[in-house]
Amino acid sequence: MNQARLAAYEDERVPTVLKAGLSYRPTSKLMLNVETEKDVEQDADFKAGIEYQLLEALALRAGFASLVEQTTAGVGFKAGRFQIDYAAAWQSALGLSQHVGVSLQWAKK
């Protein structure tokens, strides 16, 4: 939290980022998420997202981040121990970016 110095000659400091977030499930099918993130050298960023479990195997997601003015939408599919997630994000300066995640759960807890 004190931004330790990495190099004295250019006053280079370790980045310091503070985050806090909450998730709330009003029903078993709906999850609401909020987060705030503050880099000590930048403005605060507020993020919010929602996930709706349309079917047991299919989830729909949407969100936004205020600092970078980014909106996102995605879908998640689960079949047994296998899960695949896809998201698309739109940011005004960078345009469209796409994200894919694939996971396999080895053993149930």
PDB file of N, CA and C in Angstrom:
ATOM      1  N   MET A   1       0.804  -1.198   0.000  1.00  0.00           N
ATOM      2  CA  MET A   1       0.000   0.000   0.000  1.00  0.00           C
ATOM      3  C   MET A   1       0.843   1.256   0.000  1.00  0.00           C
ATOM      4  N   ASN A   2       2.145   1.082   0.173  1.00  0.00           N
ATOM      5  CA  ASN A   2       2.996   2.261   0.195  1.00  0.00           C
ATOM      6  C   ASN A   2       3.721   2.495  -1.123  1.00  0.00           C
ATOM      7  N   GLN A   3       3.418   1.706  -2.153  1.00  0.00           N
ATOM      8  CA  GLN A   3       4.068   1.792  -3.455  1.00  0.00           C
ATOM      9  C   GLN A   3       5.586   1.760  -3.307  1.00  0.00           C
ATOM     10  N   ALA A   4       6.088   0.593  -2.942  1.00  0.00           N
ATOM     11  CA  ALA A   4       7.531   0.420  -2.763  1.00  0.00           C
ATOM     12  C   ALA A   4       8.276   0.811  -4.037  1.00  0.00           C
ATOM     13  N   ARG A   5       9.459   1.368  -3.853  1.00  0.00           N
ATOM     14  CA  ARG A   5      10.259   1.851  -4.971  1.00  0.00           C
ATOM     15  C   ARG A   5      11.029   0.694  -5.599  1.00  0.00           C
ATOM     16  N   LEU A   6      10.962   0.598  -6.940  1.00  0.00           N
ATOM     17  CA  LEU A   6      11.732  -0.409  -7.671  1.00  0.00           C
ATOM     18  C   LEU A   6      13.069   0.135  -8.121  1.00  0.00           C
ATOM     19  N   ALA A   7      13.089   1.383  -8.551  1.00  0.00           N
ATOM     20  CA  ALA A   7      14.323   2.003  -9.022  1.00  0.00           C
ATOM     21  C   ALA A   7      14.315   3.476  -8.628  1.00  0.00           C
ATOM     22  N   ALA A   8      15.384   3.904  -8.010  1.00  0.00           N
ATOM     23  CA  ALA A   8      15.453   5.286  -7.534  1.00  0.00           C
ATOM     24  C   ALA A   8      15.700   6.279  -8.663  1.00  0.00           C
ATOM     25  N   TYR A   9      16.422   5.869  -9.709  1.00  0.00           N
ATOM     26  CA  TYR A   9      16.810   6.821 -10.741  1.00  0.00           C
ATOM     27  C   TYR A   9      15.631   7.294 -11.588  1.00  0.00           C
ATOM     28  N   GLU A  10      14.559   6.542 -11.704  1.00  0.00           N
ATOM     29  CA  GLU A  10      13.375   6.992 -12.441  1.00  0.00           C
ATOM     30  C   GLU A  10      12.142   7.026 -11.548  1.00  0.00           C
ATOM     31  N   ASP A  11      12.340   6.859 -10.265  1.00  0.00           N
ATOM     32  CA  ASP A  11      11.247   6.832  -9.294  1.00  0.00           C
ATOM     33  C   ASP A  11      10.177   5.812  -9.693  1.00  0.00           C
ATOM     34  N   GLU A  12      10.649   4.643 -10.157  1.00  0.00           N
ATOM     35  CA  GLU A  12       9.740   3.569 -10.556  1.00  0.00           C
ATOM     36  C   GLU A  12       9.191   2.879  -9.316  1.00  0.00           C
ATOM     37  N   ARG A  13       7.873   2.689  -9.288  1.00  0.00           N
ATOM     38  CA  ARG A  13       7.201   2.138  -8.119  1.00  0.00           C
ATOM     39  C   ARG A  13       6.426   0.870  -8.468  1.00  0.00           C
ATOM     40  N   VAL A  14       6.228   0.023  -7.456  1.00  0.00           N
ATOM     41  CA  VAL A  14       5.399  -1.172  -7.613  1.00  0.00           C
ATOM     42  C   VAL A  14       3.949  -0.719  -7.746  1.00  0.00           C
ATOM     43  N   PRO A  15       3.225  -1.228  -8.758  1.00  0.00           N
ATOM     44  CA  PRO A  15       1.810  -0.841  -8.883  1.00  0.00           C
ATOM     45  C   PRO A  15       1.011  -1.270  -7.652  1.00  0.00           C
ATOM     46  N   THR A  16       0.133  -0.414  -7.188  1.00  0.00           N
ATOM     47  CA  THR A  16      -0.718  -0.720  -6.051  1.00  0.00           C
ATOM     48  C   THR A  16      -2.173  -0.603  -6.494  1.00  0.00           C
ATOM     49  N   VAL A  17      -2.898  -1.723  -6.420  1.00  0.00           N
ATOM     50  CA  VAL A  17      -4.292  -1.780  -6.843  1.00  0.00           C
ATOM     51  C   VAL A  17      -5.119  -2.306  -5.678  1.00  0.00           C
ATOM     52  N   LEU A  18      -6.172  -1.589  -5.332  1.00  0.00           N
ATOM     53  CA  LEU A  18      -7.092  -1.988  -4.280  1.00  0.00           C
ATOM     54  C   LEU A  18      -8.409  -2.406  -4.930  1.00  0.00           C
ATOM     55  N   LYS A  19      -8.962  -3.551  -4.500  1.00  0.00           N
ATOM     56  CA  LYS A  19     -10.213  -4.055  -5.068  1.00  0.00           C
ATOM     57  C   LYS A  19     -11.158  -4.490  -3.960  1.00  0.00           C
ATOM     58  N   ALA A  20     -12.450  -4.344  -4.224  1.00  0.00           N
ATOM     59  CA  ALA A  20     -13.483  -4.859  -3.329  1.00  0.00           C
ATOM     60  C   ALA A  20     -14.685  -5.214  -4.186  1.00  0.00           C
ATOM     61  N   GLY A  21     -15.327  -6.323  -3.855  1.00  0.00           N
ATOM     62  CA  GLY A  21     -16.473  -6.735  -4.646  1.00  0.00           C
ATOM     63  C   GLY A  21     -17.471  -7.546  -3.839  1.00  0.00           C
ATOM     64  N   LEU A  22     -18.676  -7.650  -4.383  1.00  0.00           N
ATOM     65  CA  LEU A  22     -19.749  -8.416  -3.748  1.00  0.00           C
ATOM     66  C   LEU A  22     -20.502  -9.195  -4.816  1.00  0.00           C
ATOM     67  N   SER A  23     -20.957 -10.384  -4.450  1.00  0.00           N
ATOM     68  CA  SER A  23     -21.856 -11.175  -5.283  1.00  0.00           C
ATOM     69  C   SER A  23     -23.105 -11.466  -4.467  1.00  0.00           C
ATOM     70  N   TYR A  24     -24.238 -11.468  -5.137  1.00  0.00           N
ATOM     71  CA  TYR A  24     -25.512 -11.712  -4.468  1.00  0.00           C
ATOM     72  C   TYR A  24     -26.365 -12.594  -5.365  1.00  0.00           C
ATOM     73  N   ARG A  25     -26.952 -13.643  -4.782  1.00  0.00           N
ATOM     74  CA  ARG A  25     -27.845 -14.546  -5.503  1.00  0.00           C
ATOM     75  C   ARG A  25     -29.263 -14.389  -4.955  1.00  0.00           C
ATOM     76  N   PRO A  26     -30.098 -13.545  -5.593  1.00  0.00           N
ATOM     77  CA  PRO A  26     -31.471 -13.406  -5.124  1.00  0.00           C
ATOM     78  C   PRO A  26     -32.301 -14.665  -5.376  1.00  0.00           C
ATOM     79  N   THR A  27     -31.945 -15.426  -6.403  1.00  0.00           N
ATOM     80  CA  THR A  27     -32.575 -16.721  -6.690  1.00  0.00           C
ATOM     81  C   THR A  27     -31.476 -17.684  -7.109  1.00  0.00           C
ATOM     82  N   SER A  28     -31.805 -18.947  -7.222  1.00  0.00           N
ATOM     83  CA  SER A  28     -30.792 -19.925  -7.625  1.00  0.00           C
ATOM     84  C   SER A  28     -30.359 -19.743  -9.075  1.00  0.00           C
ATOM     85  N   LYS A  29     -31.142 -19.044  -9.877  1.00  0.00           N
ATOM     86  CA  LYS A  29     -30.827 -18.845 -11.289  1.00  0.00           C
ATOM     87  C   LYS A  29     -30.151 -17.511 -11.595  1.00  0.00           C
ATOM     88  N   LEU A  30     -30.125 -16.586 -10.648  1.00  0.00           N
ATOM     89  CA  LEU A  30     -29.632 -15.237 -10.907  1.00  0.00           C
ATOM     90  C   LEU A  30     -28.501 -14.870  -9.951  1.00  0.00           C
ATOM     91  N   MET A  31     -27.413 -14.325 -10.517  1.00  0.00           N
ATOM     92  CA  MET A  31     -26.304 -13.841  -9.692  1.00  0.00           C
ATOM     93  C   MET A  31     -25.961 -12.417 -10.133  1.00  0.00           C
ATOM     94  N   LEU A  32     -25.872 -11.507  -9.165  1.00  0.00           N
ATOM     95  CA  LEU A  32     -25.510 -10.116  -9.401  1.00  0.00           C
ATOM     96  C   LEU A  32     -24.142  -9.867  -8.799  1.00  0.00           C
ATOM     97  N   ASN A  33     -23.261  -9.183  -9.537  1.00  0.00           N
ATOM     98  CA  ASN A  33     -21.897  -8.933  -9.083  1.00  0.00           C
ATOM     99  C   ASN A  33     -21.551  -7.455  -9.242  1.00  0.00           C
ATOM    100  N   VAL A  34     -20.869  -6.886  -8.257  1.00  0.00           N
ATOM    101  CA  VAL A  34     -20.334  -5.531  -8.344  1.00  0.00           C
ATOM    102  C   VAL A  34     -18.908  -5.540  -7.796  1.00  0.00           C
ATOM    103  N   GLU A  35     -18.089  -4.682  -8.358  1.00  0.00           N
ATOM    104  CA  GLU A  35     -16.696  -4.574  -7.914  1.00  0.00           C
ATOM    105  C   GLU A  35     -16.221  -3.156  -8.160  1.00  0.00           C
ATOM    106  N   THR A  36     -15.360  -2.683  -7.295  1.00  0.00           N
ATOM    107  CA  THR A  36     -14.675  -1.427  -7.539  1.00  0.00           C
ATOM    108  C   THR A  36     -13.178  -1.705  -7.460  1.00  0.00           C
ATOM    109  N   GLU A  37     -12.438  -1.045  -8.309  1.00  0.00           N
ATOM    110  CA  GLU A  37     -10.990  -1.244  -8.392  1.00  0.00           C
ATOM    111  C   GLU A  37     -10.333   0.126  -8.466  1.00  0.00           C
ATOM    112  N   LYS A  38      -9.289   0.326  -7.676  1.00  0.00           N
ATOM    113  CA  LYS A  38      -8.617   1.628  -7.648  1.00  0.00           C
ATOM    114  C   LYS A  38      -7.114   1.414  -7.686  1.00  0.00           C
ATOM    115  N   ASP A  39      -6.511   1.786  -8.794  1.00  0.00           N
ATOM    116  CA  ASP A  39      -5.060   1.875  -8.882  1.00  0.00           C
ATOM    117  C   ASP A  39      -4.711   3.249  -8.307  1.00  0.00           C
ATOM    118  N   VAL A  40      -3.723   3.327  -7.443  1.00  0.00           N
ATOM    119  CA  VAL A  40      -3.442   4.602  -6.776  1.00  0.00           C
ATOM    120  C   VAL A  40      -3.035   5.695  -7.757  1.00  0.00           C
ATOM    121  N   GLU A  41      -2.651   5.319  -8.969  1.00  0.00           N
ATOM    122  CA  GLU A  41      -2.247   6.315  -9.959  1.00  0.00           C
ATOM    123  C   GLU A  41      -3.322   6.573 -11.012  1.00  0.00           C
ATOM    124  N   GLN A  42      -4.512   5.993 -10.855  1.00  0.00           N
ATOM    125  CA  GLN A  42      -5.592   6.179 -11.825  1.00  0.00           C
ATOM    126  C   GLN A  42      -6.906   6.426 -11.102  1.00  0.00           C
ATOM    127  N   ASP A  43      -7.916   6.768 -11.892  1.00  0.00           N
ATOM    128  CA  ASP A  43      -9.261   6.931 -11.341  1.00  0.00           C
ATOM    129  C   ASP A  43      -9.827   5.570 -10.949  1.00  0.00           C
ATOM    130  N   ALA A  44     -10.844   5.567 -10.118  1.00  0.00           N
ATOM    131  CA  ALA A  44     -11.505   4.328  -9.698  1.00  0.00           C
ATOM    132  C   ALA A  44     -12.330   3.769 -10.850  1.00  0.00           C
ATOM    133  N   ASP A  45     -12.418   2.441 -10.900  1.00  0.00           N
ATOM    134  CA  ASP A  45     -13.199   1.742 -11.908  1.00  0.00           C
ATOM    135  C   ASP A  45     -14.328   0.997 -11.198  1.00  0.00           C
ATOM    136  N   PHE A  46     -15.540   1.155 -11.701  1.00  0.00           N
ATOM    137  CA  PHE A  46     -16.693   0.442 -11.166  1.00  0.00           C
ATOM    138  C   PHE A  46     -17.116  -0.596 -12.186  1.00  0.00           C
ATOM    139  N   LYS A  47     -17.306  -1.837 -11.731  1.00  0.00           N
ATOM    140  CA  LYS A  47     -17.694  -2.930 -12.621  1.00  0.00           C
ATOM    141  C   LYS A  47     -18.952  -3.597 -12.068  1.00  0.00           C
ATOM    142  N   ALA A  48     -19.818  -4.023 -12.966  1.00  0.00           N
ATOM    143  CA  ALA A  48     -21.028  -4.730 -12.561  1.00  0.00           C
ATOM    144  C   ALA A  48     -21.333  -5.803 -13.586  1.00  0.00           C
ATOM    145  N   GLY A  49     -21.918  -6.891 -13.115  1.00  0.00           N
ATOM    146  CA  GLY A  49     -22.261  -7.973 -14.021  1.00  0.00           C
ATOM    147  C   GLY A  49     -23.456  -8.758 -13.512  1.00  0.00           C
ATOM    148  N   ILE A  50     -24.065  -9.485 -14.424  1.00  0.00           N
ATOM    149  CA  ILE A  50     -25.215 -10.309 -14.094  1.00  0.00           C
ATOM    150  C   ILE A  50     -25.064 -11.645 -14.819  1.00  0.00           C
ATOM    151  N   GLU A  51     -25.458 -12.713 -14.136  1.00  0.00           N
ATOM    152  CA  GLU A  51     -25.464 -14.038 -14.752  1.00  0.00           C
ATOM    153  C   GLU A  51     -26.835 -14.654 -14.518  1.00  0.00           C
ATOM    154  N   TYR A  52     -27.427 -15.161 -15.583  1.00  0.00           N
ATOM    155  CA  TYR A  52     -28.721 -15.828 -15.485  1.00  0.00           C
ATOM    156  C   TYR A  52     -28.571 -17.260 -15.974  1.00  0.00           C
ATOM    157  N   GLN A  53     -28.915 -18.209 -15.124  1.00  0.00           N
ATOM    158  CA  GLN A  53     -28.845 -19.634 -15.438  1.00  0.00           C
ATOM    159  C   GLN A  53     -30.119 -20.005 -16.198  1.00  0.00           C
ATOM    160  N   LEU A  54     -30.061 -19.901 -17.525  1.00  0.00           N
ATOM    161  CA  LEU A  54     -31.227 -20.154 -18.362  1.00  0.00           C
ATOM    162  C   LEU A  54     -31.683 -21.604 -18.247  1.00  0.00           C
ATOM    163  N   LEU A  55     -30.744 -22.523 -18.347  1.00  0.00           N
ATOM    164  CA  LEU A  55     -30.966 -23.951 -18.151  1.00  0.00           C
ATOM    165  C   LEU A  55     -29.890 -24.450 -17.202  1.00  0.00           C
ATOM    166  N   GLU A  56     -29.989 -25.676 -16.737  1.00  0.00           N
ATOM    167  CA  GLU A  56     -28.961 -26.203 -15.841  1.00  0.00           C
ATOM    168  C   GLU A  56     -27.584 -26.182 -16.503  1.00  0.00           C
ATOM    169  N   ALA A  57     -27.543 -26.369 -17.817  1.00  0.00           N
ATOM    170  CA  ALA A  57     -26.273 -26.433 -18.541  1.00  0.00           C
ATOM    171  C   ALA A  57     -25.916 -25.143 -19.265  1.00  0.00           C
ATOM    172  N   LEU A  58     -26.753 -24.102 -19.194  1.00  0.00           N
ATOM    173  CA  LEU A  58     -26.531 -22.904 -19.992  1.00  0.00           C
ATOM    174  C   LEU A  58     -26.718 -21.636 -19.168  1.00  0.00           C
ATOM    175  N   ALA A  59     -25.696 -20.790 -19.158  1.00  0.00           N
ATOM    176  CA  ALA A  59     -25.746 -19.516 -18.427  1.00  0.00           C
ATOM    177  C   ALA A  59     -25.507 -18.365 -19.394  1.00  0.00           C
ATOM    178  N   LEU A  60     -26.253 -17.281 -19.217  1.00  0.00           N
ATOM    179  CA  LEU A  60     -26.075 -16.054 -19.992  1.00  0.00           C
ATOM    180  C   LEU A  60     -25.503 -14.986 -19.071  1.00  0.00           C
ATOM    181  N   ARG A  61     -24.565 -14.182 -19.603  1.00  0.00           N
ATOM    182  CA  ARG A  61     -23.883 -13.187 -18.774  1.00  0.00           C
ATOM    183  C   ARG A  61     -23.794 -11.843 -19.496  1.00  0.00           C
ATOM    184  N   ALA A  62     -23.768 -10.759 -18.713  1.00  0.00           N
ATOM    185  CA  ALA A  62     -23.574  -9.413 -19.253  1.00  0.00           C
ATOM    186  C   ALA A  62     -22.912  -8.557 -18.181  1.00  0.00           C
ATOM    187  N   GLY A  63     -22.177  -7.537 -18.613  1.00  0.00           N
ATOM    188  CA  GLY A  63     -21.521  -6.673 -17.638  1.00  0.00           C
ATOM    189  C   GLY A  63     -20.983  -5.409 -18.268  1.00  0.00           C
ATOM    190  N   PHE A  64     -20.453  -4.535 -17.418  1.00  0.00           N
ATOM    191  CA  PHE A  64     -19.815  -3.317 -17.896  1.00  0.00           C
ATOM    192  C   PHE A  64     -18.759  -2.862 -16.896  1.00  0.00           C
ATOM    193  N   ALA A  65     -17.829  -2.066 -17.402  1.00  0.00           N
ATOM    194  CA  ALA A  65     -16.800  -1.427 -16.581  1.00  0.00           C
ATOM    195  C   ALA A  65     -16.802   0.049 -16.926  1.00  0.00           C
ATOM    196  N   SER A  66     -16.867   0.911 -15.917  1.00  0.00           N
ATOM    197  CA  SER A  66     -17.057   2.343 -16.153  1.00  0.00           C
ATOM    198  C   SER A  66     -15.796   3.066 -16.619  1.00  0.00           C
ATOM    199  N   LEU A  67     -14.644   2.751 -16.072  1.00  0.00           N
ATOM    200  CA  LEU A  67     -13.431   3.512 -16.372  1.00  0.00           C
ATOM    201  C   LEU A  67     -13.022   3.363 -17.829  1.00  0.00           C
ATOM    202  N   VAL A  68     -13.057   2.153 -18.344  1.00  0.00           N
ATOM    203  CA  VAL A  68     -12.660   1.911 -19.730  1.00  0.00           C
ATOM    204  C   VAL A  68     -13.854   1.905 -20.682  1.00  0.00           C
ATOM    205  N   GLU A  69     -15.042   2.183 -20.143  1.00  0.00           N
ATOM    206  CA  GLU A  69     -16.275   2.219 -20.922  1.00  0.00           C
ATOM    207  C   GLU A  69     -16.412   0.947 -21.766  1.00  0.00           C
ATOM    208  N   GLN A  70     -16.390  -0.183 -21.087  1.00  0.00           N
ATOM    209  CA  GLN A  70     -16.444  -1.485 -21.751  1.00  0.00           C
ATOM    210  C   GLN A  70     -17.724  -2.221 -21.379  1.00  0.00           C
ATOM    211  N   THR A  71     -18.387  -2.795 -22.361  1.00  0.00           N
ATOM    212  CA  THR A  71     -19.545  -3.652 -22.120  1.00  0.00           C
ATOM    213  C   THR A  71     -19.210  -5.065 -22.587  1.00  0.00           C
ATOM    214  N   THR A  72     -19.765  -6.044 -21.888  1.00  0.00           N
ATOM    215  CA  THR A  72     -19.474  -7.437 -22.204  1.00  0.00           C
ATOM    216  C   THR A  72     -20.761  -8.250 -22.226  1.00  0.00           C
ATOM    217  N   ALA A  73     -20.703  -9.346 -22.968  1.00  0.00           N
ATOM    218  CA  ALA A  73     -21.797 -10.312 -22.997  1.00  0.00           C
ATOM    219  C   ALA A  73     -21.171 -11.676 -23.209  1.00  0.00           C
ATOM    220  N   GLY A  74     -21.782 -12.707 -22.638  1.00  0.00           N
ATOM    221  CA  GLY A  74     -21.197 -14.029 -22.781  1.00  0.00           C
ATOM    222  C   GLY A  74     -22.184 -15.131 -22.498  1.00  0.00           C
ATOM    223  N   VAL A  75     -21.712 -16.332 -22.724  1.00  0.00           N
ATOM    224  CA  VAL A  75     -22.511 -17.529 -22.523  1.00  0.00           C
ATOM    225  C   VAL A  75     -21.593 -18.614 -21.959  1.00  0.00           C
ATOM    226  N   GLY A  76     -22.145 -19.438 -21.090  1.00  0.00           N
ATOM    227  CA  GLY A  76     -21.406 -20.558 -20.522  1.00  0.00           C
ATOM    228  C   GLY A  76     -22.193 -21.843 -20.704  1.00  0.00           C
ATOM    229  N   PHE A  77     -21.518 -22.904 -21.088  1.00  0.00           N
ATOM    230  CA  PHE A  77     -22.154 -24.199 -21.294  1.00  0.00           C
ATOM    231  C   PHE A  77     -21.434 -25.232 -20.441  1.00  0.00           C
ATOM    232  N   LYS A  78     -22.186 -26.033 -19.680  1.00  0.00           N
ATOM    233  CA  LYS A  78     -21.611 -27.052 -18.813  1.00  0.00           C
ATOM    234  C   LYS A  78     -22.240 -28.396 -19.139  1.00  0.00           C
ATOM    235  N   ALA A  79     -21.376 -29.403 -19.337  1.00  0.00           N
ATOM    236  CA  ALA A  79     -21.821 -30.773 -19.595  1.00  0.00           C
ATOM    237  C   ALA A  79     -20.989 -31.702 -18.717  1.00  0.00           C
ATOM    238  N   GLY A  80     -21.561 -32.134 -17.611  1.00  0.00           N
ATOM    239  CA  GLY A  80     -20.820 -32.987 -16.679  1.00  0.00           C
ATOM    240  C   GLY A  80     -19.654 -32.242 -16.076  1.00  0.00           C
ATOM    241  N   ARG A  81     -18.458 -32.765 -16.267  1.00  0.00           N
ATOM    242  CA  ARG A  81     -17.241 -32.138 -15.719  1.00  0.00           C
ATOM    243  C   ARG A  81     -16.614 -31.135 -16.685  1.00  0.00           C
ATOM    244  N   PHE A  82     -17.152 -31.009 -17.873  1.00  0.00           N
ATOM    245  CA  PHE A  82     -16.621 -30.138 -18.926  1.00  0.00           C
ATOM    246  C   PHE A  82     -17.389 -28.814 -18.957  1.00  0.00           C
ATOM    247  N   GLN A  83     -16.669 -27.693 -19.110  1.00  0.00           N
ATOM    248  CA  GLN A  83     -17.310 -26.388 -19.198  1.00  0.00           C
ATOM    249  C   GLN A  83     -16.591 -25.551 -20.243  1.00  0.00           C
ATOM    250  N   ILE A  84     -17.367 -24.843 -21.046  1.00  0.00           N
ATOM    251  CA  ILE A  84     -16.802 -23.903 -22.014  1.00  0.00           C
ATOM    252  C   ILE A  84     -17.530 -22.569 -21.858  1.00  0.00           C
ATOM    253  N   ASP A  85     -16.757 -21.488 -21.857  1.00  0.00           N
ATOM    254  CA  ASP A  85     -17.300 -20.144 -21.700  1.00  0.00           C
ATOM    255  C   ASP A  85     -16.818 -19.274 -22.854  1.00  0.00           C
ATOM    256  N   TYR A  86     -17.703 -18.441 -23.366  1.00  0.00           N
ATOM    257  CA  TYR A  86     -17.368 -17.503 -24.437  1.00  0.00           C
ATOM    258  C   TYR A  86     -17.873 -16.124 -24.024  1.00  0.00           C
ATOM    259  N   ALA A  87     -17.065 -15.107 -24.289  1.00  0.00           N
ATOM    260  CA  ALA A  87     -17.476 -13.730 -24.009  1.00  0.00           C
ATOM    261  C   ALA A  87     -16.964 -12.817 -25.107  1.00  0.00           C
ATOM    262  N   ALA A  88     -17.716 -11.777 -25.368  1.00  0.00           N
ATOM    263  CA  ALA A  88     -17.312 -10.724 -26.289  1.00  0.00           C
ATOM    264  C   ALA A  88     -17.380  -9.402 -25.528  1.00  0.00           C
ATOM    265  N   ALA A  89     -16.361  -8.596 -25.706  1.00  0.00           N
ATOM    266  CA  ALA A  89     -16.291  -7.305 -25.020  1.00  0.00           C
ATOM    267  C   ALA A  89     -16.141  -6.198 -26.053  1.00  0.00           C
ATOM    268  N   TRP A  90     -16.859  -5.106 -25.826  1.00  0.00           N
ATOM    269  CA  TRP A  90     -16.738  -3.946 -26.696  1.00  0.00           C
ATOM    270  C   TRP A  90     -16.216  -2.777 -25.879  1.00  0.00           C
ATOM    271  N   GLN A  91     -15.102  -2.227 -26.336  1.00  0.00           N
ATOM    272  CA  GLN A  91     -14.488  -1.082 -25.682  1.00  0.00           C
ATOM    273  C   GLN A  91     -14.309  -0.005 -26.744  1.00  0.00           C
ATOM    274  N   SER A  92     -14.668   1.224 -26.438  1.00  0.00           N
ATOM    275  CA  SER A  92     -14.721   2.280 -27.450  1.00  0.00           C
ATOM    276  C   SER A  92     -13.381   2.509 -28.158  1.00  0.00           C
ATOM    277  N   ALA A  93     -12.278   2.417 -27.475  1.00  0.00           N
ATOM    278  CA  ALA A  93     -10.978   2.673 -28.105  1.00  0.00           C
ATOM    279  C   ALA A  93     -10.427   1.448 -28.838  1.00  0.00           C
ATOM    280  N   LEU A  94     -10.685   0.248 -28.317  1.00  0.00           N
ATOM    281  CA  LEU A  94     -10.089  -0.964 -28.881  1.00  0.00           C
ATOM    282  C   LEU A  94     -11.032  -1.758 -29.774  1.00  0.00           C
ATOM    283  N   GLY A  95     -12.325  -1.516 -29.663  1.00  0.00           N
ATOM    284  CA  GLY A  95     -13.285  -2.276 -30.457  1.00  0.00           C
ATOM    285  C   GLY A  95     -13.637  -3.593 -29.791  1.00  0.00           C
ATOM    286  N   LEU A  96     -13.898  -4.608 -30.621  1.00  0.00           N
ATOM    287  CA  LEU A  96     -14.358  -5.908 -30.149  1.00  0.00           C
ATOM    288  C   LEU A  96     -13.189  -6.820 -29.790  1.00  0.00           C
ATOM    289  N   SER A  97     -13.290  -7.475 -28.650  1.00  0.00           N
ATOM    290  CA  SER A  97     -12.337  -8.534 -28.286  1.00  0.00           C
ATOM    291  C   SER A  97     -13.145  -9.735 -27.809  1.00  0.00           C
ATOM    292  N   GLN A  98     -12.648 -10.914 -28.122  1.00  0.00           N
ATOM    293  CA  GLN A  98     -13.361 -12.138 -27.788  1.00  0.00           C
ATOM    294  C   GLN A  98     -12.516 -12.980 -26.843  1.00  0.00           C
ATOM    295  N   HIS A  99     -13.203 -13.724 -25.965  1.00  0.00           N
ATOM    296  CA  HIS A  99     -12.536 -14.524 -24.951  1.00  0.00           C
ATOM    297  C   HIS A  99     -13.194 -15.898 -24.887  1.00  0.00           C
ATOM    298  N   VAL A 100     -12.381 -16.933 -24.766  1.00  0.00           N
ATOM    299  CA  VAL A 100     -12.888 -18.304 -24.644  1.00  0.00           C
ATOM    300  C   VAL A 100     -12.170 -18.967 -23.481  1.00  0.00           C
ATOM    301  N   GLY A 101     -12.939 -19.691 -22.681  1.00  0.00           N
ATOM    302  CA  GLY A 101     -12.366 -20.479 -21.582  1.00  0.00           C
ATOM    303  C   GLY A 101     -12.894 -21.897 -21.654  1.00  0.00           C
ATOM    304  N   VAL A 102     -12.007 -22.859 -21.467  1.00  0.00           N
ATOM    305  CA  VAL A 102     -12.369 -24.272 -21.462  1.00  0.00           C
ATOM    306  C   VAL A 102     -11.834 -24.879 -20.184  1.00  0.00           C
ATOM    307  N   SER A 103     -12.673 -25.620 -19.460  1.00  0.00           N
ATOM    308  CA  SER A 103     -12.205 -26.226 -18.219  1.00  0.00           C
ATOM    309  C   SER A 103     -12.786 -27.638 -18.066  1.00  0.00           C
ATOM    310  N   LEU A 104     -12.038 -28.414 -17.302  1.00  0.00           N
ATOM    311  CA  LEU A 104     -12.424 -29.791 -16.995  1.00  0.00           C
ATOM    312  C   LEU A 104     -12.184 -30.004 -15.513  1.00  0.00           C
ATOM    313  N   GLN A 105     -13.217 -30.396 -14.794  1.00  0.00           N
ATOM    314  CA  GLN A 105     -13.102 -30.630 -13.363  1.00  0.00           C
ATOM    315  C   GLN A 105     -12.694 -32.089 -13.175  1.00  0.00           C
ATOM    316  N   TRP A 106     -11.558 -32.336 -12.507  1.00  0.00           N
ATOM    317  CA  TRP A 106     -11.039 -33.681 -12.360  1.00  0.00           C
ATOM    318  C   TRP A 106     -11.862 -34.524 -11.395  1.00  0.00           C
ATOM    319  N   ALA A 107     -12.172 -33.959 -10.245  1.00  0.00           N
ATOM    320  CA  ALA A 107     -12.931 -34.726  -9.244  1.00  0.00           C
ATOM    321  C   ALA A 107     -13.894 -33.796  -8.527  1.00  0.00           C
ATOM    322  N   LYS A 108     -15.033 -34.292  -8.150  1.00  0.00           N
ATOM    323  CA  LYS A 108     -15.997 -33.466  -7.419  1.00  0.00           C
ATOM    324  C   LYS A 108     -15.575 -33.366  -5.967  1.00  0.00           C
ATOM    325  N   LYS A 109     -15.800 -32.193  -5.384  1.00  0.00           N
ATOM    326  CA  LYS A 109     -15.425 -31.968  -3.977  1.00  0.00           C
ATOM    327  C   LYS A 109     -16.471 -32.498  -3.053  1.00  0.00           C
TER     328      LYS A 109
END
